[in-house]
């Protein structure tokens, strides 16, 4: 009993240690994923910011080079009074196109303001010379304003003489950064993250109460992880500050799974304790009491009706009492058998645990079956066993990217099993272009599609069937696969449901066509094509095209 309790204590301590290690790993993995998400969000924010400025440049070009604006710049003061209404209409249309624009100013070549429209703000000091191309100024506070503004300068040249680059004036568009707050808030990697947009003068361009970030806030610390990225078009920086508490917070689903697994393991451990106590320890104690009493009551018998080792020992003891001559010898033999049985039981448990976590036990067993089949000249059994062993080895090895040659070899071994199983009724053909054998591809891409063709397309028909796999190199080095069969085909309604299932974003269990499509999306992003064509009675054809490289492949998605 003491040994059993010691074993249970050790297993329980190992369980606690494994749970703590798994929790630490989950926290580290969550932190890495959050930081990676934060960096990706910063890149997205930078892209949106540059897109925003590009749109401003387009609006400024349309405004500045409209005939009304050009005519207004070249007129004298009196003529401008007559054209002011037309110019205001052009300015008003521009404000309607972009909500973030607060006001528009028009300047002559000597930087004297000649027109304005919108909210009046106190403009910052103009540059000593107008910029030669569109430029973004730093944020400034207008008199009496509580929010920042920033100017967008756009020079206007005389398009009638493009070679001389004669400057007619400059257009200044004043914008409020409220519109930038929207995509900043959408780019937060966690709920409590802080996201700031800072100009060249380190002034915060957002509706935040902060106006500037200190040097300490721009550096990572124990409380915050800081990430930043600079937009080359404006020189502005997007800064993300992620609280350390969000990084250490484990995923709720992962925590639930770990707790569930721990509870299952504890339940199994308690079940093992009960089994050992009632089926091993209690009968052994009963036998021990019987032996002690037998000296005073030699007519008593144990009479255990069990077919296991303990029953065998009990029967031997009863037989020893019936044969007084060999009592001493029989007792020694029974004790020896009892100890050997207990030792064999513990060794069997240890071997079972090792085989559960060691796939080589399965490989070695299949090799043993193959050798026995070869010994008895059962070549078919040996070949199908060897094929099954190859399938298991290929399926559990850790690589997610294999070569076309590896995947083809796997399909050939799978084809052997299918041909044996269906007695040659179903054949799997391979037509692989030799030049692509060394090309990389996603692991386990073809076999699930072949299996679907066999069990959903060919197994249901009485005639012989063929699944053909054609792999070749297409235009631009893309890798093309055609998986076709001459089976019963798919009805139009079922085919439409399959195509709709592929477009769903939620994860799908199993290894069906929708699962293959989502795995391709994770590996190659949008740089692949997948199509399925079928009609009842005419078979099914699936076509897949993937790029020459797996540039969008993220191994961390599959390693987890």
Protein backbone atom coordinates (compact mmCIF):
# COMPACT_ATOMS: atom_id res chain seq x y z
CA UNK A 1 0.00 0.00 0.00
CA UNK A 2 2.88 2.35 0.87
CA UNK A 3 4.49 1.75 -2.54
CA UNK A 4 1.22 2.49 -4.28
CA UNK A 5 0.83 5.75 -2.35
CA UNK A 6 4.44 6.68 -3.18
CA UNK A 7 3.82 6.01 -6.86
CA UNK A 8 0.61 8.05 -6.81
CA UNK A 9 2.39 10.93 -5.04
CA UNK A 10 5.17 10.97 -7.64
CA UNK A 11 2.63 10.94 -10.49
CA UNK A 12 0.66 13.74 -8.84
CA UNK A 13 3.78 15.88 -8.44
CA UNK A 14 4.69 15.24 -12.08
CA UNK A 15 1.17 16.30 -13.07
CA UNK A 16 1.48 19.57 -11.13
CA UNK A 17 4.91 20.24 -12.67
CA UNK A 18 3.64 19.51 -16.19
CA UNK A 19 0.63 21.78 -15.63
CA UNK A 20 2.82 24.65 -14.39
CA UNK A 21 5.24 24.19 -17.32
CA UNK A 22 2.35 24.11 -19.80
CA UNK A 23 0.89 27.26 -18.26
CA UNK A 24 4.24 29.07 -18.49
CA UNK A 25 4.63 27.98 -22.09
CA UNK A 26 1.09 29.13 -22.89
CA UNK A 27 1.84 32.55 -21.36
CA UNK A 28 5.07 32.86 -23.36
CA UNK A 29 3.32 31.78 -26.54
CA UNK A 30 0.51 34.27 -25.89
CA UNK A 31 3.04 37.07 -25.36
CA UNK A 32 4.87 36.25 -28.61
CA UNK A 33 1.60 36.10 -30.54
CA UNK A 34 0.43 39.41 -29.05
CA UNK A 35 3.70 41.16 -29.92
CA UNK A 36 3.57 39.78 -33.45
CA UNK A 37 -0.06 40.93 -33.75
CA UNK A 38 0.97 44.37 -32.48
CA UNK A 39 3.73 44.66 -35.10
CA UNK A 40 1.34 43.59 -37.85
CA UNK A 41 -1.22 46.13 -36.65
CA UNK A 42 1.44 48.85 -36.75
CA UNK A 43 2.23 47.93 -40.36
CA UNK A 44 -1.49 48.07 -41.13
CA UNK A 45 -1.79 51.48 -39.45
CA UNK A 46 1.21 52.73 -41.45
CA UNK A 47 -0.38 51.51 -44.68
CA UNK A 48 -3.68 53.22 -43.83
CA UNK A 49 -1.86 56.43 -42.92
CA UNK A 50 0.00 56.48 -46.25
CA UNK A 51 -3.26 55.72 -48.04
CA UNK A 52 -4.87 58.64 -46.19
CA UNK A 53 -2.12 61.05 -47.31
CA UNK A 54 -2.27 59.72 -50.85
CA UNK A 55 -5.99 60.48 -50.92
CA UNK A 56 -5.30 63.97 -49.57
CA UNK A 57 -2.74 64.49 -52.32
CA UNK A 58 -5.30 63.48 -54.94
CA UNK A 59 -7.92 65.84 -53.47
CA UNK A 60 -5.37 68.67 -53.28
CA UNK A 61 -4.37 68.10 -56.93
CA UNK A 62 -7.99 68.20 -58.07
CA UNK A 63 -8.61 71.35 -56.03
CA UNK A 64 -5.38 73.16 -56.95
CA UNK A 65 -5.48 72.49 -60.68
CA UNK A 66 -9.16 73.13 -61.24
CA UNK A 67 -9.67 75.91 -63.83
CA UNK A 68 -11.38 78.06 -61.19
CA UNK A 69 -8.39 77.90 -58.81
CA UNK A 70 -5.81 78.55 -61.56
CA UNK A 71 -7.83 81.49 -62.87
CA UNK A 72 -8.19 82.92 -59.35
CA UNK A 73 -4.41 82.77 -58.76
CA UNK A 74 -3.63 84.68 -61.98
CA UNK A 75 -6.30 87.40 -61.49
CA UNK A 76 -5.85 90.77 -59.88
CA UNK A 77 -7.55 91.77 -56.62
CA UNK A 78 -10.66 93.22 -58.26
CA UNK A 79 -11.23 90.22 -60.51
CA UNK A 80 -10.83 87.89 -57.54
CA UNK A 81 -13.79 89.49 -55.83
CA UNK A 82 -15.96 88.49 -58.76
CA UNK A 83 -14.55 84.89 -58.79
CA UNK A 84 -14.70 84.39 -55.01
CA UNK A 85 -18.10 82.69 -55.12
CA UNK A 86 -16.97 80.16 -57.75
CA UNK A 87 -13.81 79.42 -55.74
CA UNK A 88 -15.87 78.92 -52.58
CA UNK A 89 -18.00 76.36 -54.42
CA UNK A 90 -14.85 74.41 -55.39
CA UNK A 91 -13.60 74.56 -51.78
CA UNK A 92 -16.99 73.44 -50.44
CA UNK A 93 -17.06 70.41 -52.75
CA UNK A 94 -13.60 69.44 -51.47
CA UNK A 95 -14.75 69.65 -47.84
CA UNK A 96 -17.67 67.37 -48.65
CA UNK A 97 -15.33 64.76 -50.10
CA UNK A 98 -13.14 64.53 -46.96
CA UNK A 99 -14.69 64.88 -43.49
CA UNK A 100 -11.35 65.42 -41.75
CA UNK A 101 -10.73 68.74 -43.62
CA UNK A 102 -11.51 71.74 -41.39
CA UNK A 103 -10.40 74.61 -43.62
CA UNK A 104 -8.61 75.44 -46.90
CA UNK A 105 -6.24 78.36 -47.53
CA UNK A 106 -4.88 79.66 -50.83
CA UNK A 107 -1.59 81.60 -50.97
CA UNK A 108 0.20 83.55 -53.66
CA UNK A 109 3.84 82.98 -54.58
CA UNK A 110 4.97 85.43 -51.88
CA UNK A 111 2.97 83.35 -49.30
CA UNK A 112 0.31 86.05 -48.88
CA UNK A 113 -3.10 84.55 -48.15
CA UNK A 114 -5.64 85.40 -50.83
CA UNK A 115 -8.52 83.04 -50.04
CA UNK A 116 -9.83 80.80 -47.26
CA UNK A 117 -12.80 78.55 -46.63
CA UNK A 118 -14.06 76.58 -43.60
CA UNK A 119 -13.24 76.96 -39.95
CA UNK A 120 -10.88 79.80 -39.13
CA UNK A 121 -7.73 78.57 -37.37
CA UNK A 122 -4.51 80.31 -36.42
CA UNK A 123 -2.10 78.84 -38.95
CA UNK A 124 1.47 78.12 -37.86
CA UNK A 125 4.38 79.98 -39.39
CA UNK A 126 4.58 79.15 -43.07
CA UNK A 127 7.77 77.66 -44.49
CA UNK A 128 10.20 80.35 -45.76
CA UNK A 129 9.77 78.95 -49.25
CA UNK A 130 6.87 76.91 -50.57
CA UNK A 131 7.59 73.16 -50.80
CA UNK A 132 8.41 71.75 -54.20
CA UNK A 133 6.11 68.80 -53.61
CA UNK A 134 3.24 67.97 -51.30
CA UNK A 135 4.34 68.08 -47.64
CA UNK A 136 2.78 67.42 -44.26
CA UNK A 137 3.39 69.88 -41.45
CA UNK A 138 3.62 69.24 -37.73
CA UNK A 139 0.59 69.42 -35.46
CA UNK A 140 -0.39 72.81 -33.98
CA UNK A 141 -2.96 74.20 -31.61
CA UNK A 142 -5.16 77.00 -32.91
CA UNK A 143 -6.13 79.85 -30.60
CA UNK A 144 -8.89 78.76 -28.26
CA UNK A 145 -8.83 75.20 -29.64
CA UNK A 146 -8.59 72.10 -27.50
CA UNK A 147 -7.60 69.70 -30.25
CA UNK A 148 -4.63 69.56 -32.59
CA UNK A 149 -4.68 70.40 -36.28
CA UNK A 150 -2.09 69.66 -38.90
CA UNK A 151 -1.56 71.34 -42.31
CA UNK A 152 -1.13 69.71 -45.69
CA UNK A 153 0.79 71.93 -48.16
CA UNK A 154 0.44 71.51 -51.92
CA UNK A 155 2.35 73.77 -54.40
CA UNK A 156 0.58 74.91 -57.56
CA UNK A 157 2.58 75.28 -60.80
CA UNK A 158 1.69 76.81 -64.14
CA UNK A 159 0.78 73.77 -66.27
CA UNK A 160 0.94 75.91 -69.43
CA UNK A 161 4.74 76.00 -69.07
CA UNK A 162 5.65 72.71 -67.33
CA UNK A 163 9.34 72.94 -68.30
CA UNK A 164 9.87 76.24 -66.47
CA UNK A 165 8.11 74.99 -63.28
CA UNK A 166 6.67 78.47 -62.70
CA UNK A 167 5.05 78.57 -59.25
CA UNK A 168 1.57 80.15 -59.15
CA UNK A 169 0.96 79.73 -55.42
CA UNK A 170 0.31 77.18 -52.70
CA UNK A 171 -2.76 75.47 -51.27
CA UNK A 172 -2.83 74.64 -47.54
CA UNK A 173 -5.41 72.16 -46.28
CA UNK A 174 -5.93 72.12 -42.51
CA UNK A 175 -7.04 68.75 -41.11
CA UNK A 176 -8.11 67.49 -37.70
CA UNK A 177 -6.64 64.14 -36.66
CA UNK A 178 -10.02 62.81 -35.52
CA UNK A 179 -10.25 60.67 -38.63
CA UNK A 180 -6.94 59.03 -37.70
CA UNK A 181 -8.32 57.91 -34.34
CA UNK A 182 -10.64 55.43 -36.04
CA UNK A 183 -8.02 53.19 -37.58
CA UNK A 184 -5.72 53.71 -34.57
CA UNK A 185 -8.39 52.24 -32.29
CA UNK A 186 -8.92 49.36 -34.75
CA UNK A 187 -5.20 48.55 -34.67
CA UNK A 188 -4.97 47.81 -30.94
CA UNK A 189 -3.54 44.29 -30.36
CA UNK A 190 -5.20 44.06 -26.90
CA UNK A 191 -8.08 45.78 -25.13
CA UNK A 192 -5.83 47.78 -22.79
CA UNK A 193 -3.13 48.70 -25.31
CA UNK A 194 -2.29 52.37 -25.92
CA UNK A 195 -1.83 53.56 -29.50
CA UNK A 196 -0.42 57.00 -30.38
CA UNK A 197 0.36 58.92 -33.57
CA UNK A 198 3.31 61.31 -33.15
CA UNK A 199 4.60 63.90 -35.63
CA UNK A 200 8.20 64.96 -36.27
CA UNK A 201 8.11 67.31 -33.23
CA UNK A 202 6.98 64.43 -30.98
CA UNK A 203 3.52 65.96 -30.58
CA UNK A 204 0.63 63.52 -30.19
CA UNK A 205 -1.85 63.81 -33.11
CA UNK A 206 -4.92 62.26 -31.57
CA UNK A 207 -7.80 63.01 -29.27
CA UNK A 208 -5.81 61.67 -26.32
CA UNK A 209 -5.28 63.89 -23.29
CA UNK A 210 -1.52 63.44 -23.72
CA UNK A 211 0.27 65.99 -25.86
CA UNK A 212 3.75 64.43 -25.79
CA UNK A 213 5.36 61.13 -24.81
CA UNK A 214 8.34 61.17 -22.45
CA UNK A 215 11.53 59.28 -23.26
CA UNK A 216 10.65 56.71 -20.62
CA UNK A 217 7.26 56.06 -22.25
CA UNK A 218 8.95 55.47 -25.61
CA UNK A 219 11.06 52.62 -24.20
CA UNK A 220 9.99 49.10 -23.19
CA UNK A 221 9.88 48.41 -19.46
CA UNK A 222 8.52 45.85 -17.03
CA UNK A 223 5.09 47.50 -17.22
CA UNK A 224 4.84 48.08 -20.99
CA UNK A 225 6.21 46.65 -24.25
CA UNK A 226 6.71 49.48 -26.77
CA UNK A 227 6.62 49.01 -30.55
CA UNK A 228 6.82 51.76 -33.18
CA UNK A 229 6.97 52.28 -36.92
CA UNK A 230 7.69 55.43 -38.98
CA UNK A 231 5.85 56.49 -42.12
CA UNK A 232 8.39 57.71 -44.72
CA UNK A 233 5.84 59.96 -46.43
CA UNK A 234 5.20 62.14 -43.37
CA UNK A 235 7.92 61.23 -40.89
CA UNK A 236 5.16 60.46 -38.34
CA UNK A 237 5.53 57.55 -35.93
CA UNK A 238 2.83 55.12 -34.86
CA UNK A 239 3.60 53.93 -31.32
CA UNK A 240 2.00 50.97 -29.51
CA UNK A 241 2.33 50.44 -25.76
CA UNK A 242 1.11 46.98 -24.68
CA UNK A 243 0.68 46.38 -20.91
CA UNK A 244 2.75 43.50 -19.54
CA UNK A 245 -0.39 42.18 -17.84
CA UNK A 246 -2.01 41.63 -21.26
CA UNK A 247 1.07 39.73 -22.45
CA UNK A 248 1.06 37.44 -19.41
CA UNK A 249 -2.66 36.78 -19.59
CA UNK A 250 -3.11 33.20 -20.92
CA UNK A 251 -5.67 32.37 -23.53
CA UNK A 252 -8.95 31.45 -21.83
CA UNK A 253 -9.61 28.53 -24.18
CA UNK A 254 -6.11 27.11 -23.68
CA UNK A 255 -6.48 27.46 -19.90
CA UNK A 256 -9.81 25.65 -19.99
CA UNK A 257 -8.32 22.83 -22.07
CA UNK A 258 -5.39 22.46 -19.68
CA UNK A 259 -7.70 22.38 -16.66
CA UNK A 260 -9.92 19.83 -18.39
CA UNK A 261 -6.95 17.62 -19.25
CA UNK A 262 -5.67 17.92 -15.68
CA UNK A 263 -9.07 16.92 -14.30
CA UNK A 264 -9.21 13.92 -16.65
CA UNK A 265 -5.72 12.85 -15.61
CA UNK A 266 -6.59 13.15 -11.89
CA UNK A 267 -9.79 11.15 -12.47
CA UNK A 268 -7.82 8.42 -14.25
CA UNK A 269 -5.27 8.45 -11.43
CA UNK A 270 -8.02 7.99 -8.83
CA UNK A 271 -9.54 5.23 -10.95
CA UNK A 272 -6.15 3.48 -11.05
CA UNK A 273 -5.84 3.77 -7.26
CA UNK A 274 -9.31 2.26 -6.74
CA UNK A 275 -8.62 -0.53 -9.20
CA UNK A 276 -5.31 -1.44 -7.57
CA UNK A 277 -6.79 -1.30 -4.08
CA UNK A 278 -9.93 -3.37 -4.68
CA UNK A 279 -8.58 -5.84 -7.27
CA UNK A 280 -5.02 -6.33 -6.04
CA UNK A 281 -4.42 -5.08 -2.49
CA UNK A 282 -7.69 -6.31 -0.93
CA UNK A 283 -7.40 -9.87 -2.37
CA UNK A 284 -3.76 -9.99 -1.30
CA UNK A 285 -4.72 -8.97 2.22
CA UNK A 286 -7.46 -11.59 2.20
CA UNK A 287 -4.90 -14.18 1.21
CA UNK A 288 -2.53 -12.97 3.92
CA UNK A 289 -5.21 -13.34 6.57
CA UNK A 290 -6.08 -16.77 5.31
CA UNK A 291 -2.46 -17.95 5.59
CA UNK A 292 -2.25 -16.71 9.17
CA UNK A 293 -5.48 -18.44 10.14
CA UNK A 294 -4.71 -21.66 8.34
CA UNK A 295 -2.42 -22.89 11.11
CA UNK A 296 -5.34 -22.95 13.56
CA UNK A 297 -8.01 -23.89 11.00
CA UNK A 298 -6.39 -26.26 8.49
CA UNK A 299 -9.82 -27.24 7.09
CA UNK A 300 -10.58 -23.69 5.89
CA UNK A 301 -10.18 -22.93 2.18
CA UNK A 302 -9.69 -19.61 0.38
CA UNK A 303 -12.05 -20.49 -2.51
CA UNK A 304 -11.36 -17.43 -4.69
CA UNK A 305 -13.10 -17.77 -8.07
CA UNK A 306 -10.90 -15.52 -10.19
CA UNK A 307 -9.24 -16.15 -13.55
CA UNK A 308 -6.32 -13.79 -13.09
CA UNK A 309 -2.94 -14.32 -11.42
CA UNK A 310 -4.36 -13.81 -7.93
CA UNK A 311 -6.96 -16.52 -8.56
CA UNK A 312 -4.20 -18.81 -9.72
CA UNK A 313 -2.24 -18.20 -6.52
CA UNK A 314 -5.36 -18.79 -4.39
CA UNK A 315 -6.08 -22.06 -6.20
CA UNK A 316 -2.52 -23.14 -5.66
CA UNK A 317 -2.83 -22.47 -1.93
CA UNK A 318 -6.01 -24.55 -1.74
CA UNK A 319 -4.29 -27.34 -3.62
CA UNK A 320 -1.33 -27.16 -1.24
CA UNK A 321 -3.62 -27.66 1.74
CA UNK A 322 -5.10 -30.74 0.07
CA UNK A 323 -1.63 -32.22 -0.53
CA UNK A 324 0.13 -32.15 2.86
CA UNK A 325 3.21 -33.91 1.51
CA UNK A 326 4.20 -31.14 -0.81
CA UNK A 327 2.94 -28.27 1.41
CA UNK A 328 6.32 -26.61 1.97
CA UNK A 329 7.38 -26.86 -1.67
CA UNK A 330 4.02 -25.66 -2.96
CA UNK A 331 3.99 -22.65 -0.62
CA UNK A 332 7.41 -21.53 -1.83
CA UNK A 333 6.34 -21.94 -5.47
CA UNK A 334 3.15 -19.94 -4.88
CA UNK A 335 5.04 -17.09 -3.23
CA UNK A 336 7.51 -17.01 -6.12
CA UNK A 337 4.68 -16.91 -8.67
CA UNK A 338 2.94 -14.15 -6.69
CA UNK A 339 6.04 -11.92 -6.74
CA UNK A 340 6.71 -12.63 -10.41
CA UNK A 341 3.08 -11.78 -11.26
CA UNK A 342 3.22 -8.46 -9.43
CA UNK A 343 6.55 -7.59 -11.07
CA UNK A 344 5.25 -8.54 -14.53
CA UNK A 345 2.15 -6.42 -13.98
CA UNK A 346 4.23 -3.33 -13.13
CA UNK A 347 6.59 -3.94 -16.06
CA UNK A 348 3.61 -4.27 -18.41
CA UNK A 349 2.24 -0.92 -17.16
CA UNK A 350 5.61 0.77 -17.72
CA UNK A 351 5.90 -0.67 -21.24
CA UNK A 352 2.33 0.39 -22.01
CA UNK A 353 3.07 3.97 -20.93
CA UNK A 354 6.25 4.03 -22.99
CA UNK A 355 4.46 2.71 -26.06
CA UNK A 356 1.72 5.32 -25.70
CA UNK A 357 4.20 8.19 -26.02
CA UNK A 358 6.71 6.51 -28.35
CA UNK A 359 5.49 6.04 -31.95
CA UNK A 360 8.49 3.79 -32.59
CA UNK A 361 6.61 1.06 -30.69
CA UNK A 362 4.03 1.10 -33.49
CA UNK A 363 6.72 1.15 -36.19
CA UNK A 364 8.56 -1.78 -34.60
CA UNK A 365 5.32 -3.74 -34.25
CA UNK A 366 4.52 -3.22 -37.94
CA UNK A 367 8.08 -4.29 -38.86
CA UNK A 368 7.60 -7.43 -36.75
CA UNK A 369 4.32 -8.22 -38.54
CA UNK A 370 6.09 -7.72 -41.87
CA UNK A 371 8.95 -10.04 -40.92
CA UNK A 372 6.50 -12.74 -39.79
CA UNK A 373 4.58 -12.38 -43.05
CA UNK A 374 7.80 -12.71 -45.06
CA UNK A 375 8.77 -15.77 -43.01
CA UNK A 376 5.46 -17.44 -43.89
CA UNK A 377 5.76 -16.16 -47.49
CA UNK A 378 2.67 -13.95 -47.17
CA UNK A 379 4.02 -11.24 -49.45
CA UNK A 380 0.73 -9.36 -49.65
CA UNK A 381 0.54 -8.97 -45.88
CA UNK A 382 4.19 -7.90 -45.77
CA UNK A 383 3.70 -5.29 -48.49
CA UNK A 384 0.54 -3.76 -47.02
CA UNK A 385 2.13 -3.72 -43.54
CA UNK A 386 5.20 -1.94 -44.89
CA UNK A 387 2.95 0.58 -46.68
CA UNK A 388 0.99 1.23 -43.47
CA UNK A 389 4.25 1.73 -41.54
CA UNK A 390 5.40 4.28 -44.13
CA UNK A 391 2.07 6.14 -43.85
CA UNK A 392 2.37 6.41 -40.07
CA UNK A 393 5.99 7.60 -40.23
CA UNK A 394 5.14 10.22 -42.83
CA UNK A 395 2.06 11.44 -40.94
CA UNK A 396 3.76 12.00 -37.55
CA UNK A 397 7.10 13.51 -38.59
CA UNK A 398 7.29 17.18 -37.69
CA UNK A 399 7.85 18.91 -41.04
CA UNK A 400 4.97 20.94 -42.46
CA UNK A 401 6.70 21.55 -45.82
CA UNK A 402 7.73 18.55 -47.95
CA UNK A 403 8.82 18.03 -51.53
CA UNK A 404 6.59 16.83 -54.32
CA UNK A 405 8.66 13.62 -54.34
CA UNK A 406 7.86 13.00 -50.64
CA UNK A 407 4.13 13.58 -51.14
CA UNK A 408 4.16 11.37 -54.25
CA UNK A 409 5.87 8.53 -52.37
CA UNK A 410 3.23 8.82 -49.64
CA UNK A 411 0.41 8.58 -52.22
CA UNK A 412 2.04 5.48 -53.79
CA UNK A 413 2.06 3.67 -50.44
CA UNK A 414 -1.52 4.75 -49.81
CA UNK A 415 -2.46 3.44 -53.28
CA UNK A 416 -1.10 -0.01 -52.36
CA UNK A 417 -3.43 -0.21 -49.37
CA UNK A 418 -6.43 0.96 -51.44
CA UNK A 419 -5.72 -1.56 -54.22
CA UNK A 420 -5.41 -4.41 -51.72
CA UNK A 421 -8.51 -3.32 -49.83
CA UNK A 422 -10.71 -3.15 -52.92
CA UNK A 423 -9.03 -6.16 -54.66
CA UNK A 424 -7.79 -4.08 -57.56
CA UNK A 425 -11.19 -2.58 -58.30
CA UNK A 426 -9.94 0.94 -57.59
CA UNK A 427 -6.66 2.19 -59.09
CA UNK A 428 -4.73 5.33 -58.22
CA UNK A 429 -2.60 6.70 -61.08
CA UNK A 430 0.24 9.21 -60.81
CA UNK A 431 1.40 11.47 -63.63
CA UNK A 432 4.14 13.65 -62.11
CA UNK A 433 6.38 15.94 -64.15
CA UNK A 434 10.01 14.98 -63.21
CA UNK A 435 11.18 18.62 -63.10
CA UNK A 436 8.98 19.44 -60.09
CA UNK A 437 9.95 16.54 -57.79
CA UNK A 438 12.25 18.76 -55.70
CA UNK A 439 9.73 21.62 -55.43
CA UNK A 440 8.32 22.42 -51.93
CA UNK A 441 4.65 22.00 -51.18
CA UNK A 442 2.26 21.72 -48.24
CA UNK A 443 2.29 18.35 -46.49
CA UNK A 444 -0.82 16.08 -46.65
CA UNK A 445 -2.36 18.11 -49.50
CA UNK A 446 -3.18 15.32 -51.95
CA UNK A 447 -4.03 12.28 -49.79
CA UNK A 448 -7.27 13.66 -48.25
CA UNK A 449 -8.52 14.59 -51.72
CA UNK A 450 -7.64 11.12 -53.06
CA UNK A 451 -9.40 9.54 -50.07
CA UNK A 452 -12.54 11.62 -50.76
CA UNK A 453 -12.49 10.48 -54.37
CA UNK A 454 -12.16 6.81 -53.34
CA UNK A 455 -14.79 6.65 -50.61
CA UNK A 456 -17.31 9.20 -51.93
CA UNK A 457 -16.89 8.80 -55.67
CA UNK A 458 -15.70 5.27 -56.53
CA UNK A 459 -16.68 2.97 -53.66
CA UNK A 460 -20.40 3.48 -54.35
CA UNK A 461 -20.28 2.31 -57.96
CA UNK A 462 -20.13 -1.29 -59.18
CA UNK A 463 -17.64 -0.73 -62.00
CA UNK A 464 -13.88 -0.37 -61.67
CA UNK A 465 -12.67 3.10 -60.83
CA UNK A 466 -9.61 5.29 -61.39
CA UNK A 467 -8.24 8.25 -59.47
CA UNK A 468 -5.60 10.14 -61.45
CA UNK A 469 -3.16 12.71 -60.03
CA UNK A 470 -1.48 14.98 -62.57
CA UNK A 471 1.18 17.39 -61.29
CA UNK A 472 3.07 19.82 -63.50
CA UNK A 473 4.68 23.27 -63.62
CA UNK A 474 2.47 26.02 -65.04
CA UNK A 475 3.08 29.60 -66.19
CA UNK A 476 5.40 31.65 -64.01
CA UNK A 477 6.67 28.57 -62.18
CA UNK A 478 3.39 27.88 -60.35
CA UNK A 479 2.80 24.30 -59.18
CA UNK A 480 -0.39 22.73 -60.56
CA UNK A 481 -2.28 19.63 -59.36
CA UNK A 482 -5.28 17.99 -61.00
CA UNK A 483 -7.03 15.21 -58.99
CA UNK A 484 -9.73 13.59 -61.10
CA UNK A 485 -11.86 10.43 -60.83
CA UNK A 486 -14.43 8.66 -62.96
CA UNK A 487 -16.82 8.03 -60.08
CA UNK A 488 -20.44 8.83 -59.48
CA UNK A 489 -19.85 12.60 -59.31
CA UNK A 490 -21.54 15.27 -57.17
CA UNK A 491 -25.01 16.70 -57.54
CA UNK A 492 -25.24 20.44 -58.32
CA UNK A 493 -26.86 21.13 -54.92
CA UNK A 494 -24.13 19.30 -53.00
CA UNK A 495 -21.43 20.96 -55.14
CA UNK A 496 -22.85 24.41 -54.33
CA UNK A 497 -22.86 23.59 -50.58
CA UNK A 498 -19.22 22.47 -50.84
CA UNK A 499 -18.19 25.75 -52.49
CA UNK A 500 -20.06 27.76 -49.84
CA UNK A 501 -18.41 25.74 -47.06
CA UNK A 502 -14.96 26.56 -48.45
CA UNK A 503 -15.64 30.31 -48.16
CA UNK A 504 -16.57 30.17 -44.48
CA UNK A 505 -13.93 31.62 -42.18
CA UNK A 506 -14.60 29.48 -39.09
CA UNK A 507 -12.35 26.46 -38.54
CA UNK A 508 -13.57 23.06 -39.65
CA UNK A 509 -12.73 19.76 -38.06
CA UNK A 510 -11.77 16.75 -40.15
CA UNK A 511 -9.79 16.49 -43.36
CA UNK A 512 -12.45 17.39 -45.93
CA UNK A 513 -12.25 19.71 -48.93
CA UNK A 514 -13.14 22.81 -46.85
CA UNK A 515 -10.32 22.00 -44.42
CA UNK A 516 -7.82 21.63 -47.29
CA UNK A 517 -8.95 25.01 -48.68
CA UNK A 518 -8.41 26.75 -45.31
CA UNK A 519 -4.97 25.15 -44.90
CA UNK A 520 -4.01 26.49 -48.34
CA UNK A 521 -5.22 29.93 -47.25
CA UNK A 522 -3.02 29.81 -44.15
CA UNK A 523 0.02 28.67 -46.15
CA UNK A 524 -0.24 30.86 -49.25
CA UNK A 525 -2.61 33.70 -48.37
CA UNK A 526 -4.43 34.65 -51.59
CA UNK A 527 -1.64 33.44 -53.90
CA UNK A 528 -3.30 30.15 -54.82
CA UNK A 529 -6.30 28.86 -56.74
CA UNK A 530 -8.67 26.02 -55.88
CA UNK A 531 -11.55 24.84 -58.03
CA UNK A 532 -13.82 21.79 -58.06
CA UNK A 533 -15.87 20.67 -61.03
CA UNK A 534 -18.27 17.70 -61.04
CA UNK A 535 -21.48 16.37 -62.48
CA UNK A 536 -23.48 13.23 -61.62
CA UNK A 537 -22.20 10.16 -63.45
CA UNK A 538 -19.20 11.98 -64.99
CA UNK A 539 -16.76 12.06 -62.05
CA UNK A 540 -15.08 14.90 -60.22
CA UNK A 541 -11.98 17.02 -60.90
CA UNK A 542 -10.21 19.25 -58.35
CA UNK A 543 -7.59 21.73 -59.61
CA UNK A 544 -5.05 23.41 -57.31
CA UNK A 545 -2.36 25.97 -58.19
CA UNK A 546 0.19 27.17 -55.63
CA UNK A 547 3.10 29.64 -56.00
CA UNK A 548 6.71 28.60 -56.51
CA UNK A 549 7.65 29.67 -52.97
CA UNK A 550 5.77 29.64 -49.67
CA UNK A 551 6.44 33.33 -48.85
CA UNK A 552 3.22 33.71 -46.84
CA UNK A 553 3.76 30.51 -44.87
CA UNK A 554 3.89 31.03 -41.10
CA UNK A 555 5.27 27.84 -39.44
CA UNK A 556 4.22 29.04 -35.97
CA UNK A 557 0.50 28.57 -36.91
CA UNK A 558 1.12 24.82 -37.48
CA UNK A 559 3.78 24.22 -34.88
CA UNK A 560 1.28 25.24 -32.23
